[in-house]
Protein backbone atom coordinates (compact mmCIF):
# COMPACT_ATOMS: atom_id res chain seq x y z
CA MET A 1 -38.43 -29.87 5.73
CA GLN A 2 -37.94 -33.04 3.49
CA PRO A 3 -34.66 -34.89 4.06
CA GLY A 4 -33.33 -34.41 -0.32
CA ARG A 5 -33.97 -30.89 0.68
CA ILE A 6 -31.43 -30.38 3.97
CA ALA A 7 -29.09 -32.48 1.46
CA VAL A 8 -28.70 -30.18 -1.24
CA ILE A 9 -28.73 -26.95 0.46
CA ALA A 10 -26.21 -27.79 3.03
CA ALA A 11 -24.04 -29.07 0.01
CA PHE A 12 -24.68 -25.73 -1.62
CA CYS A 13 -23.51 -23.38 1.34
CA GLY A 14 -20.99 -26.29 1.85
CA PHE A 15 -19.57 -25.09 -1.49
CA VAL A 16 -20.87 -21.37 -1.51
CA CYS A 17 -18.72 -21.08 2.18
CA ALA A 18 -15.71 -22.55 0.47
CA VAL A 19 -14.97 -21.02 -2.43
CA PRO A 20 -12.22 -18.18 -1.49
CA ALA A 21 -12.65 -13.80 -1.34
CA GLN A 22 -11.24 -13.10 -5.05
CA ALA A 23 -8.77 -10.97 -4.62
CA ASP A 24 -8.59 -6.48 -5.97
CA THR A 25 -6.36 -4.60 -7.56
CA ILE A 26 -6.35 -0.76 -7.24
CA THR A 27 -5.48 1.19 -9.38
CA VAL A 28 -3.12 4.64 -8.54
CA VAL A 29 -2.21 6.64 -11.36
CA ILE A 30 0.09 9.12 -11.55
CA LYS A 31 0.09 11.52 -13.82
CA ASP A 32 1.50 16.04 -12.93
CA LEU A 33 4.02 14.61 -10.54
CA VAL A 34 0.18 12.91 -8.31
CA PHE A 35 -1.20 9.93 -6.87
CA THR A 36 -4.42 10.17 -6.92
CA PRO A 37 -6.18 9.07 -5.03
CA ALA A 38 -3.49 9.47 -2.99
CA ALA A 39 -4.54 7.39 -0.17
CA VAL A 40 -6.93 3.84 -1.04
CA THR A 41 -7.80 1.03 0.95
CA ALA A 42 -7.45 -2.77 0.13
CA LYS A 43 -7.01 -5.78 2.13
CA ALA A 44 -4.32 -8.50 3.02
CA GLY A 45 -3.91 -9.96 -0.13
CA ASP A 46 -5.43 -7.21 -2.75
CA THR A 47 -2.85 -6.29 -5.02
CA ILE A 48 -1.93 -2.15 -5.18
CA ARG A 49 -1.32 -1.46 -9.07
CA TRP A 50 0.12 2.01 -9.94
CA ASP A 51 0.18 4.35 -13.48
CA ASN A 52 2.75 6.04 -14.81
CA ARG A 53 1.84 8.42 -16.64
CA ASP A 54 3.98 10.59 -16.31
CA ILE A 55 6.71 11.27 -18.53
CA LEU A 56 9.32 11.23 -15.72
CA ALA A 57 10.48 8.20 -14.09
CA HIS A 58 8.81 7.63 -9.77
CA THR A 59 9.09 5.05 -7.56
CA ALA A 60 6.30 3.55 -5.17
CA THR A 61 8.44 3.29 -1.95
CA ALA A 62 7.06 2.11 1.26
CA THR A 63 8.66 4.60 3.92
CA ALA A 64 8.94 1.18 7.27
CA GLY A 65 10.04 -0.39 4.16
CA GLY A 66 7.92 -3.45 2.10
CA PHE A 67 8.26 -2.76 -1.33
CA ASP A 68 9.92 -0.68 -3.59
CA VAL A 69 7.90 -0.30 -6.78
CA MET A 70 9.98 1.09 -10.25
CA LEU A 71 7.85 2.92 -12.47
CA PRO A 72 9.45 3.83 -15.62
CA ALA A 73 7.33 6.65 -18.03
CA GLY A 74 4.20 5.53 -19.36
CA LYS A 75 4.04 2.23 -17.49
CA SER A 76 2.94 -0.08 -14.66
CA ALA A 77 3.94 -2.04 -11.56
CA SER A 78 2.25 -3.39 -8.46
CA THR A 79 2.86 -5.01 -5.71
CA VAL A 80 0.06 -7.42 -3.15
CA VAL A 81 -0.23 -6.21 0.06
CA THR A 82 -0.25 -8.67 2.30
CA LYS A 83 -0.13 -6.66 6.03
CA ALA A 84 -2.98 -5.10 7.84
CA GLY A 85 -1.54 -1.67 8.47
CA THR A 86 -1.74 2.38 6.73
CA ILE A 87 1.67 1.91 5.04
CA ALA A 88 2.60 4.97 4.10
CA TYR A 89 4.86 5.70 0.69
CA PHE A 90 6.88 8.03 -1.46
CA CYS A 91 8.41 8.49 -4.72
CA LYS A 92 12.58 8.73 -4.18
CA PHE A 93 12.95 10.69 -7.69
CA HIS A 94 9.62 13.60 -5.58
CA PRO A 95 9.90 12.91 -2.05
CA ASN A 96 7.09 15.62 -2.30
CA MET A 97 4.66 12.49 -4.17
CA LYS A 98 3.39 10.29 -0.20
CA GLY A 99 0.53 8.14 -0.75
CA THR A 100 -0.17 5.72 1.60
CA VAL A 101 -2.44 2.81 1.50
CA THR A 102 -4.58 1.18 4.78
CA VAL A 103 -5.10 -2.42 4.03
CA THR A 104 -7.46 -4.38 6.31
CA PRO A 105 -7.49 -7.83 7.32
């Protein structure tokens, strides 16, 4: 291989390898007193967004702490997950509403 070609390939690899991974947004819809989907998987750094399509206010409250998101009727809110593990959450106003977020590194 020619020396110039090696430099171009090395420079390209350095650029591609240096670009950080883009964080995703995972959406959970609240409708008829249900989190849908009830279980989601995210990577550390991703955003979980809850869209409340009910006429009632809800929360997304982590059982063991970590987040407590207020969701007025017809509004959306979000949080960024940072630690690997499984986070159980529920609605403080309607404790039968439950969900989980599994966070991978």
